[in-house]
Amino acid sequence: MLIKKSQRKRQQLAREAFVYEYCGVGKELGMAVAELNGRVPDAGTMKNKICHEAYYVMSGSAQVFIGNEVVDIGEGDVLQIQPGQEYYVEASNLRLIAPTAPAFYPEQWENIKTL
């Protein structure tokens, strides 16, 4: 199956953060490309309740804050994020490929606002 760049869906995650979802891969596997700069989300944390995520860093760098842990990622690194883990990202021109299993769907994602 081929999914053309022209078929992807663009979504804005934060002020300077965009994800391009390649829909149609199947229910077991999702695929996206993300371009992140600055804090994502703009405030609070986020989590996938069901989907496993992997970040393969194509370029740029970031600090990913997962619970009490800070993980530095850069070009060529892979970071796995488990379902239910709350996290946020401080990115510097980060471009990554993000497969999910099962395929991402918005109802299982949560943006957790802090006061």
C-alpha atoms as a PDB file:
ATOM      1  CA  MET A   1       0.000   0.000   0.000  1.00  0.00           C
ATOM      2  CA  LEU A   2       1.266   3.451  -0.886  1.00  0.00           C
ATOM      3  CA  ILE A   3       0.173   6.555   0.972  1.00  0.00           C
ATOM      4  CA  LYS A   4       1.229   9.702  -0.851  1.00  0.00           C
ATOM      5  CA  LYS A   5       2.465  12.829   0.878  1.00  0.00           C
ATOM      6  CA  SER A   6      -0.539  14.620  -0.622  1.00  0.00           C
ATOM      7  CA  GLN A   7      -2.861  12.274   1.307  1.00  0.00           C
ATOM      8  CA  ARG A   8      -1.480  13.024   4.770  1.00  0.00           C
ATOM      9  CA  LYS A   9      -3.445  15.051   7.319  1.00  0.00           C
ATOM     10  CA  ARG A  10      -1.776  18.048   8.971  1.00  0.00           C
ATOM     11  CA  GLN A  11      -2.632  18.874  12.576  1.00  0.00           C
ATOM     12  CA  GLN A  12      -1.254  21.577  14.832  1.00  0.00           C
ATOM     13  CA  LEU A  13      -0.235  20.298  18.286  1.00  0.00           C
ATOM     14  CA  ALA A  14       1.140  23.552  19.736  1.00  0.00           C
ATOM     15  CA  ARG A  15       2.222  27.012  18.593  1.00  0.00           C
ATOM     16  CA  GLU A  16       5.237  25.636  16.720  1.00  0.00           C
ATOM     17  CA  ALA A  17       4.388  21.950  16.470  1.00  0.00           C
ATOM     18  CA  PHE A  18       2.777  20.063  13.624  1.00  0.00           C
ATOM     19  CA  VAL A  19       2.084  16.402  12.966  1.00  0.00           C
ATOM     20  CA  TYR A  20       1.401  14.898   9.564  1.00  0.00           C
ATOM     21  CA  GLU A  21      -0.659  11.707   9.879  1.00  0.00           C
ATOM     22  CA  TYR A  22      -0.522   9.070   7.179  1.00  0.00           C
ATOM     23  CA  CYS A  23      -3.964   7.517   7.494  1.00  0.00           C
ATOM     24  CA  GLY A  24      -4.837   4.176   5.983  1.00  0.00           C
ATOM     25  CA  VAL A  25      -1.855   2.147   7.159  1.00  0.00           C
ATOM     26  CA  GLY A  26      -4.255  -0.037   9.172  1.00  0.00           C
ATOM     27  CA  LYS A  27      -5.746  -0.423  12.638  1.00  0.00           C
ATOM     28  CA  GLU A  28      -2.672  -2.168  14.065  1.00  0.00           C
ATOM     29  CA  LEU A  29      -0.095   0.439  13.024  1.00  0.00           C
ATOM     30  CA  GLY A  30      -0.162   4.214  12.630  1.00  0.00           C
ATOM     31  CA  MET A  31       2.464   6.433  11.031  1.00  0.00           C
ATOM     32  CA  ALA A  32       3.168  10.135  11.373  1.00  0.00           C
ATOM     33  CA  VAL A  33       5.905  12.677  10.797  1.00  0.00           C
ATOM     34  CA  ALA A  34       6.200  15.490  13.323  1.00  0.00           C
ATOM     35  CA  GLU A  35       7.925  18.874  13.229  1.00  0.00           C
ATOM     36  CA  LEU A  36       8.321  20.291  16.730  1.00  0.00           C
ATOM     37  CA  ASN A  37       9.909  23.495  17.959  1.00  0.00           C
ATOM     38  CA  GLY A  38       9.487  24.821  21.483  1.00  0.00           C
ATOM     39  CA  ARG A  39       7.239  23.281  24.115  1.00  0.00           C
ATOM     40  CA  VAL A  40       4.705  20.601  23.183  1.00  0.00           C
ATOM     41  CA  PRO A  41       2.022  20.862  24.381  1.00  0.00           C
ATOM     42  CA  ASP A  42       2.073  24.617  25.046  1.00  0.00           C
ATOM     43  CA  ALA A  43       1.135  23.890  28.712  1.00  0.00           C
ATOM     44  CA  GLY A  44       0.608  20.793  30.827  1.00  0.00           C
ATOM     45  CA  THR A  45       1.372  17.275  29.654  1.00  0.00           C
ATOM     46  CA  MET A  46      -0.029  14.813  27.148  1.00  0.00           C
ATOM     47  CA  LYS A  47      -0.517  11.069  26.981  1.00  0.00           C
ATOM     48  CA  ASN A  48      -1.773   8.321  24.767  1.00  0.00           C
ATOM     49  CA  LYS A  49      -4.043   6.095  26.814  1.00  0.00           C
ATOM     50  CA  ILE A  50      -3.810   3.092  24.461  1.00  0.00           C
ATOM     51  CA  CYS A  51      -1.176   3.672  21.768  1.00  0.00           C
ATOM     52  CA  HIS A  52       2.489   2.784  22.117  1.00  0.00           C
ATOM     53  CA  GLU A  53       4.617   5.497  20.484  1.00  0.00           C
ATOM     54  CA  ALA A  54       8.128   5.428  19.120  1.00  0.00           C
ATOM     55  CA  TYR A  55      10.054   8.534  18.098  1.00  0.00           C
ATOM     56  CA  TYR A  56      12.801   8.129  15.503  1.00  0.00           C
ATOM     57  CA  VAL A  57      14.679  11.439  15.349  1.00  0.00           C
ATOM     58  CA  MET A  58      15.560  12.483  11.792  1.00  0.00           C
ATOM     59  CA  SER A  59      17.012  15.870  12.795  1.00  0.00           C
ATOM     60  CA  GLY A  60      17.097  18.380  15.618  1.00  0.00           C
ATOM     61  CA  SER A  61      17.043  17.649  19.315  1.00  0.00           C
ATOM     62  CA  ALA A  62      14.776  17.731  22.345  1.00  0.00           C
ATOM     63  CA  GLN A  63      14.388  17.053  25.999  1.00  0.00           C
ATOM     64  CA  VAL A  64      11.429  14.792  26.723  1.00  0.00           C
ATOM     65  CA  PHE A  65      10.026  15.027  30.252  1.00  0.00           C
ATOM     66  CA  ILE A  66       8.393  11.695  31.158  1.00  0.00           C
ATOM     67  CA  GLY A  67       7.184  11.664  34.753  1.00  0.00           C
ATOM     68  CA  ASN A  68      10.270  12.507  36.854  1.00  0.00           C
ATOM     69  CA  GLU A  69      12.707  11.551  34.076  1.00  0.00           C
ATOM     70  CA  VAL A  70      14.329  13.854  31.502  1.00  0.00           C
ATOM     71  CA  VAL A  71      15.497  12.175  28.302  1.00  0.00           C
ATOM     72  CA  ASP A  72      17.747  13.965  25.787  1.00  0.00           C
ATOM     73  CA  ILE A  73      17.151  12.866  22.186  1.00  0.00           C
ATOM     74  CA  GLY A  74      18.920  13.758  18.954  1.00  0.00           C
ATOM     75  CA  GLU A  75      19.440  12.637  15.388  1.00  0.00           C
ATOM     76  CA  GLY A  76      19.369   8.848  14.985  1.00  0.00           C
ATOM     77  CA  ASP A  77      17.891   8.172  18.442  1.00  0.00           C
ATOM     78  CA  VAL A  78      14.735   6.170  19.096  1.00  0.00           C
ATOM     79  CA  LEU A  79      12.559   6.830  22.150  1.00  0.00           C
ATOM     80  CA  GLN A  80       9.671   4.567  23.122  1.00  0.00           C
ATOM     81  CA  ILE A  81       6.758   6.026  25.094  1.00  0.00           C
ATOM     82  CA  GLN A  82       4.409   3.575  26.787  1.00  0.00           C
ATOM     83  CA  PRO A  83       0.622   4.008  26.925  1.00  0.00           C
ATOM     84  CA  GLY A  84      -0.459   6.089  29.914  1.00  0.00           C
ATOM     85  CA  GLN A  85       2.870   7.874  30.387  1.00  0.00           C
ATOM     86  CA  GLU A  86       2.389  11.622  30.817  1.00  0.00           C
ATOM     87  CA  TYR A  87       5.034  13.680  29.058  1.00  0.00           C
ATOM     88  CA  TYR A  88       5.909  16.916  27.345  1.00  0.00           C
ATOM     89  CA  VAL A  89       8.662  17.928  24.938  1.00  0.00           C
ATOM     90  CA  GLU A  90      11.038  20.907  24.743  1.00  0.00           C
ATOM     91  CA  ALA A  91      12.170  20.735  21.109  1.00  0.00           C
ATOM     92  CA  SER A  92      14.743  22.519  19.005  1.00  0.00           C
ATOM     93  CA  ASN A  93      13.895  22.089  15.313  1.00  0.00           C
ATOM     94  CA  LEU A  94      12.959  18.460  15.931  1.00  0.00           C
ATOM     95  CA  ARG A  95      11.791  16.375  12.991  1.00  0.00           C
ATOM     96  CA  LEU A  96      10.796  12.797  13.716  1.00  0.00           C
ATOM     97  CA  ILE A  97       8.967   9.749  12.454  1.00  0.00           C
ATOM     98  CA  ALA A  98       6.395   8.457  14.938  1.00  0.00           C
ATOM     99  CA  PRO A  99       4.871   5.020  14.444  1.00  0.00           C
ATOM    100  CA  THR A 100       2.112   4.023  16.885  1.00  0.00           C
ATOM    101  CA  ALA A 101       0.602   0.679  17.766  1.00  0.00           C
ATOM    102  CA  PRO A 102      -2.321   0.389  17.489  1.00  0.00           C
ATOM    103  CA  ALA A 103      -2.941   3.196  14.991  1.00  0.00           C
ATOM    104  CA  PHE A 104      -3.433   6.593  16.635  1.00  0.00           C
ATOM    105  CA  TYR A 105      -6.983   7.847  17.052  1.00  0.00           C
ATOM    106  CA  PRO A 106      -7.892  11.145  18.768  1.00  0.00           C
ATOM    107  CA  GLU A 107     -10.306   9.726  21.369  1.00  0.00           C
ATOM    108  CA  GLN A 108      -7.500   7.873  23.171  1.00  0.00           C
ATOM    109  CA  TRP A 109      -5.221  10.943  23.394  1.00  0.00           C
ATOM    110  CA  GLU A 110      -5.358  13.392  26.290  1.00  0.00           C
ATOM    111  CA  ASN A 111      -3.892  16.859  26.846  1.00  0.00           C
ATOM    112  CA  ILE A 112      -3.604  17.270  30.625  1.00  0.00           C
ATOM    113  CA  LYS A 113      -3.896  20.901  31.645  1.00  0.00           C
ATOM    114  CA  THR A 114      -2.150  22.152  34.770  1.00  0.00           C
ATOM    115  CA  LEU A 115      -3.225  25.090  36.900  1.00  0.00           C
END
